[in-house]
Amino acid sequence: MQNRFSKKLKIAIYDFTDCEGCEVKLVSIKERLVHLADRFNIVNWRLGQEKIKDGPYAAAIIEGTPVTQDEIDLLRELREKSKLIISLGACASIAGIPGIMNKSERKKWYAKIYGANYKPKGIDALPLSAYVKVNHMIHGCPVDEDELVRTLEELLSGKTPRYRRYSVCLECKLAGNQCRLLHKKICFGPITQGGCKAICISGGSPCYGCFGVREEANIPALVKILRRFASEKEINNHVTMFFNQIPEYKNVFKQALKNYKK
């Protein structure tokens, strides 16, 4: 069977509201992509080159959260022009740090920080999937270099990239870390998909789940364990770091917290 991407891949790279840290990661792996360079045709990337060409695209890789109507309109336009939409990093995939604040609180903080006369353009911070179908998410805050390379290689092989079939716990064990849960410390490693190499836990920090909820995650079971030593408020504060704008928080996590109240 002929590879559906046998020709040079026409790719667009866009960014919405973000810190551009994930795009910097993309720039940093340039040397590792030398053997793939002749297979890509990046035709629209503000941060990386000046050449701009319109779609259609084999894939549009998008960093950041669309928080204005103009960004939302552009995202929907890119969806129409692209075979695949790939979100780059936590902001694009699960709303990330911008998604911590709920829409109802934004007006208050706009006034407090910028003054009562400030007229904001931002609507709300939601992931790309709130507006269009996303074919694959490259998670992380920022993204992991190996995950970037793996995704691009799978694109070139004619596949829709797939997620890791294991949680962060596997990588934590490989790194020789002691389990935080056994020491009565909050950790979302069991429900978070692998690929980050457990870098936060290895550095002494908890896992907040920036790599997204893994497939078949047993959130109620994790909540039951956490409630043995952590309050509902402590768990909820941990959840809102990265899970504030995705269904796993709004539905499953909230319901699980209600079920296991002490």
Protein backbone atom coordinates (compact mmCIF):
# COMPACT_ATOMS: atom_id res chain seq x y z
CA MET A 1 0.00 0.00 0.00
CA GLN A 2 1.33 3.43 -0.92
CA ASN A 3 2.08 5.70 2.00
CA ARG A 4 -0.66 8.34 2.09
CA PHE A 5 2.06 10.87 2.99
CA SER A 6 4.61 9.53 0.45
CA LYS A 7 5.15 13.03 -0.92
CA LYS A 8 6.89 15.74 1.06
CA LEU A 9 4.64 16.60 4.00
CA LYS A 10 3.20 20.10 3.88
CA ILE A 11 3.02 21.26 7.48
CA ALA A 12 1.92 24.50 9.13
CA ILE A 13 2.97 25.50 12.64
CA TYR A 14 0.83 28.07 14.45
CA ASP A 15 0.75 29.51 17.95
CA PHE A 16 -2.06 31.17 19.85
CA THR A 17 -1.87 32.64 23.37
CA ASP A 18 1.09 30.99 25.10
CA CYS A 19 4.68 31.38 26.30
CA GLU A 20 6.10 29.79 23.11
CA GLY A 21 8.11 27.38 25.26
CA CYS A 22 6.92 24.35 23.30
CA GLU A 23 7.89 25.94 19.99
CA VAL A 24 11.32 26.67 21.43
CA LYS A 25 11.55 22.94 22.14
CA LEU A 26 10.71 22.32 18.49
CA VAL A 27 13.53 24.62 17.43
CA SER A 28 15.92 22.93 19.85
CA ILE A 29 15.57 19.50 18.22
CA LYS A 30 16.57 20.82 14.80
CA GLU A 31 19.75 18.73 14.75
CA ARG A 32 17.85 15.55 15.56
CA LEU A 33 15.54 16.13 12.59
CA VAL A 34 18.27 16.46 9.96
CA HIS A 35 17.53 12.97 8.64
CA LEU A 36 13.84 13.92 8.30
CA ALA A 37 14.30 17.43 6.90
CA ASP A 38 13.90 16.44 3.25
CA ARG A 39 10.55 14.80 4.06
CA PHE A 40 8.98 17.94 5.53
CA ASN A 41 7.84 21.12 3.87
CA ILE A 42 7.09 23.60 6.65
CA VAL A 43 5.22 26.34 4.84
CA ASN A 44 3.91 28.50 7.66
CA TRP A 45 5.88 29.05 10.86
CA ARG A 46 6.24 32.54 12.24
CA LEU A 47 8.89 31.59 14.77
CA GLY A 48 11.01 29.46 12.47
CA GLN A 49 10.95 30.96 8.97
CA GLU A 50 9.45 33.67 6.81
CA LYS A 51 8.03 31.47 4.05
CA ILE A 52 4.25 31.43 4.17
CA LYS A 53 1.95 29.36 1.97
CA ASP A 54 -1.73 28.67 2.32
CA GLY A 55 -3.27 25.21 2.81
CA PRO A 56 -4.32 22.54 2.42
CA TYR A 57 -1.89 21.03 4.93
CA ALA A 58 -1.09 17.43 5.74
CA ALA A 59 -0.94 18.58 9.35
CA ALA A 60 -1.24 21.77 11.36
CA ILE A 61 0.74 21.76 14.59
CA ILE A 62 -0.71 24.33 16.98
CA GLU A 63 0.68 25.64 20.25
CA GLY A 64 -1.24 27.72 22.77
CA THR A 65 -4.79 28.39 23.84
CA PRO A 66 -7.25 30.30 21.62
CA VAL A 67 -8.55 33.03 23.92
CA THR A 68 -9.88 35.59 21.41
CA GLN A 69 -12.53 35.29 18.73
CA ASP A 70 -9.90 35.90 16.03
CA GLU A 71 -7.85 32.95 17.30
CA ILE A 72 -10.94 30.74 17.46
CA ASP A 73 -11.87 31.68 13.88
CA LEU A 74 -8.31 30.93 12.68
CA LEU A 75 -8.37 27.56 14.45
CA ARG A 76 -11.60 26.60 12.69
CA GLU A 77 -10.13 27.72 9.38
CA LEU A 78 -7.05 25.57 9.98
CA ARG A 79 -9.29 22.61 10.78
CA GLU A 80 -10.90 22.92 7.36
CA LYS A 81 -7.53 23.15 5.63
CA SER A 82 -5.71 20.36 7.48
CA LYS A 83 -5.91 16.57 7.34
CA LEU A 84 -4.61 16.43 10.89
CA ILE A 85 -4.70 18.91 13.75
CA ILE A 86 -1.98 18.25 16.33
CA SER A 87 -1.90 20.21 19.57
CA LEU A 88 1.55 21.12 20.86
CA GLY A 89 1.88 21.25 24.62
CA ALA A 90 -0.42 21.51 27.62
CA CYS A 91 -1.99 24.87 26.71
CA ALA A 92 -3.25 23.61 23.37
CA SER A 93 -4.10 20.12 24.62
CA ILE A 94 -5.77 20.71 28.00
CA ALA A 95 -5.73 24.54 28.37
CA GLY A 96 -2.64 24.39 30.59
CA ILE A 97 -1.77 27.20 32.99
CA PRO A 98 -4.14 29.72 31.27
CA GLY A 99 -7.02 27.33 31.98
CA ILE A 100 -6.54 27.44 35.74
CA MET A 101 -8.76 30.50 35.98
CA ASN A 102 -12.42 29.98 35.21
CA LYS A 103 -14.26 32.35 32.91
CA SER A 104 -16.45 33.61 35.75
CA GLU A 105 -13.38 34.92 37.62
CA ARG A 106 -11.70 36.70 34.73
CA LYS A 107 -13.72 39.92 34.91
CA LYS A 108 -12.79 40.42 38.56
CA TRP A 109 -9.08 39.91 37.94
CA TYR A 110 -9.00 42.02 34.79
CA ALA A 111 -10.36 44.93 36.84
CA LYS A 112 -8.02 44.32 39.76
CA ILE A 113 -4.86 44.03 37.63
CA TYR A 114 -5.55 46.40 34.72
CA GLY A 115 -8.14 48.78 36.16
CA ALA A 116 -11.90 49.19 35.82
CA ASN A 117 -11.66 50.82 32.36
CA TYR A 118 -9.69 47.98 30.77
CA LYS A 119 -11.53 46.25 27.92
CA PRO A 120 -10.18 42.71 27.52
CA LYS A 121 -10.16 40.78 24.24
CA GLY A 122 -9.80 37.42 25.91
CA ILE A 123 -12.95 35.28 26.12
CA ASP A 124 -11.83 32.17 27.99
CA ALA A 125 -8.91 29.74 28.01
CA LEU A 126 -10.05 26.39 26.62
CA PRO A 127 -8.18 23.60 24.81
CA LEU A 128 -8.29 23.33 21.01
CA SER A 129 -10.68 20.40 21.35
CA ALA A 130 -13.34 22.74 22.74
CA TYR A 131 -13.73 24.17 19.22
CA VAL A 132 -12.48 21.59 16.70
CA LYS A 133 -11.58 17.93 16.38
CA VAL A 134 -7.96 17.33 17.43
CA ASN A 135 -6.34 14.25 15.91
CA HIS A 136 -3.43 14.00 18.31
CA MET A 137 -2.11 15.83 21.37
CA ILE A 138 1.58 16.22 22.16
CA HIS A 139 1.32 16.79 25.88
CA GLY A 140 3.69 18.42 28.35
CA CYS A 141 4.58 21.79 29.85
CA PRO A 142 6.80 22.09 27.91
CA VAL A 143 6.65 19.13 25.52
CA ASP A 144 9.26 16.38 25.68
CA GLU A 145 11.78 16.32 22.82
CA ASP A 146 11.51 12.56 22.31
CA GLU A 147 7.72 12.83 22.08
CA LEU A 148 8.10 15.49 19.40
CA VAL A 149 10.45 13.36 17.34
CA ARG A 150 8.28 10.26 17.79
CA THR A 151 5.18 12.13 16.61
CA LEU A 152 6.91 13.51 13.53
CA GLU A 153 8.33 10.09 12.64
CA GLU A 154 4.87 8.53 12.88
CA LEU A 155 3.48 11.26 10.65
CA LEU A 156 6.12 10.47 8.05
CA SER A 157 5.26 6.78 8.20
CA GLY A 158 1.69 7.63 7.24
CA LYS A 159 0.20 6.99 10.67
CA THR A 160 -1.92 9.06 12.97
CA PRO A 161 0.34 9.35 16.05
CA ARG A 162 -0.63 7.24 19.05
CA TYR A 163 -0.40 7.77 22.79
CA ARG A 164 1.74 5.82 25.21
CA ARG A 165 -0.08 2.81 26.63
CA TYR A 166 1.29 3.25 30.14
CA SER A 167 1.19 5.80 32.95
CA VAL A 168 3.91 7.97 34.46
CA CYS A 169 4.26 5.34 37.21
CA LEU A 170 6.21 3.06 34.85
CA GLU A 171 8.74 5.78 34.10
CA CYS A 172 8.90 6.68 37.78
CA LYS A 173 9.91 3.11 38.63
CA LEU A 174 12.50 3.09 35.86
CA ALA A 175 13.95 6.31 37.31
CA GLY A 176 14.25 4.69 40.74
CA ASN A 177 11.84 7.07 42.47
CA GLN A 178 9.98 6.17 45.63
CA CYS A 179 6.19 6.22 45.26
CA ARG A 180 4.79 9.49 46.57
CA LEU A 181 1.43 7.87 47.37
CA LEU A 182 3.10 5.42 49.76
CA HIS A 183 4.52 8.44 51.58
CA LYS A 184 1.06 10.07 51.73
CA LYS A 185 1.86 12.73 49.15
CA ILE A 186 -0.52 13.73 46.35
CA CYS A 187 0.49 12.47 42.92
CA PHE A 188 -1.43 12.09 39.65
CA GLY A 189 1.11 9.73 38.09
CA PRO A 190 -1.23 6.69 38.01
CA ILE A 191 -3.82 8.45 35.83
CA THR A 192 -1.39 10.46 33.68
CA GLN A 193 -0.11 9.05 30.41
CA GLY A 194 3.60 8.38 30.15
CA GLY A 195 6.16 10.06 27.95
CA CYS A 196 7.49 12.75 30.29
CA LYS A 197 10.13 10.44 31.86
CA ALA A 198 8.79 11.36 35.32
CA ILE A 199 10.96 14.47 35.25
CA CYS A 200 8.94 16.39 37.88
CA ILE A 201 8.92 13.59 40.43
CA SER A 202 12.61 12.90 39.85
CA GLY A 203 13.20 16.58 40.62
CA GLY A 204 11.26 16.42 43.88
CA SER A 205 7.91 17.81 42.65
CA PRO A 206 4.56 16.03 42.41
CA CYS A 207 2.94 14.96 39.15
CA TYR A 208 0.14 17.39 38.25
CA GLY A 209 -0.82 15.55 35.07
CA CYS A 210 0.46 17.91 32.36
CA PHE A 211 0.77 14.92 30.00
CA GLY A 212 -2.99 14.45 30.06
CA VAL A 213 -5.20 11.71 31.46
CA ARG A 214 -4.16 8.34 30.07
CA GLU A 215 -6.61 6.06 28.31
CA GLU A 216 -8.59 3.83 30.68
CA ALA A 217 -7.46 5.87 33.70
CA ASN A 218 -9.17 4.81 36.94
CA ILE A 219 -9.77 8.24 38.45
CA PRO A 220 -12.20 7.10 41.20
CA ALA A 221 -9.63 4.57 42.47
CA LEU A 222 -6.96 7.28 42.70
CA VAL A 223 -9.34 9.64 44.49
CA LYS A 224 -10.18 6.88 46.99
CA ILE A 225 -6.46 6.49 47.79
CA LEU A 226 -5.87 10.24 48.02
CA ARG A 227 -8.79 10.76 50.40
CA ARG A 228 -7.04 8.54 52.96
CA PHE A 229 -4.56 11.31 53.68
CA ALA A 230 -5.54 14.46 51.75
CA SER A 231 -8.49 16.81 52.11
CA GLU A 232 -10.94 17.50 49.32
CA LYS A 233 -9.59 21.06 49.08
CA GLU A 234 -5.99 19.83 48.72
CA ILE A 235 -6.95 17.40 45.97
CA ASN A 236 -9.10 19.98 44.21
CA ASN A 237 -6.25 22.51 44.22
CA HIS A 238 -3.99 19.90 42.66
CA VAL A 239 -6.58 19.06 40.00
CA THR A 240 -7.03 22.65 38.88
CA MET A 241 -3.38 22.99 37.84
CA PHE A 242 -3.96 21.20 34.52
CA PHE A 243 -7.34 19.44 34.61
CA ASN A 244 -9.57 22.48 35.11
CA GLN A 245 -10.97 22.63 31.56
CA ILE A 246 -11.31 18.98 30.57
CA PRO A 247 -14.19 16.54 31.15
CA GLU A 248 -12.14 14.30 33.44
CA TYR A 249 -12.15 17.13 35.98
CA LYS A 250 -15.63 18.50 35.42
CA ASN A 251 -17.33 15.12 35.56
CA VAL A 252 -15.39 12.08 36.76
CA PHE A 253 -13.07 13.80 39.25
CA LYS A 254 -15.76 15.94 40.85
CA GLN A 255 -18.09 12.97 41.19
CA ALA A 256 -15.34 10.82 42.68
CA LEU A 257 -14.57 13.50 45.27
CA LYS A 258 -18.23 13.58 46.29
CA ASN A 259 -18.33 9.77 46.61
CA TYR A 260 -15.34 9.59 48.92
CA LYS A 261 -16.04 12.42 51.34
CA LYS A 262 -14.93 11.60 54.86
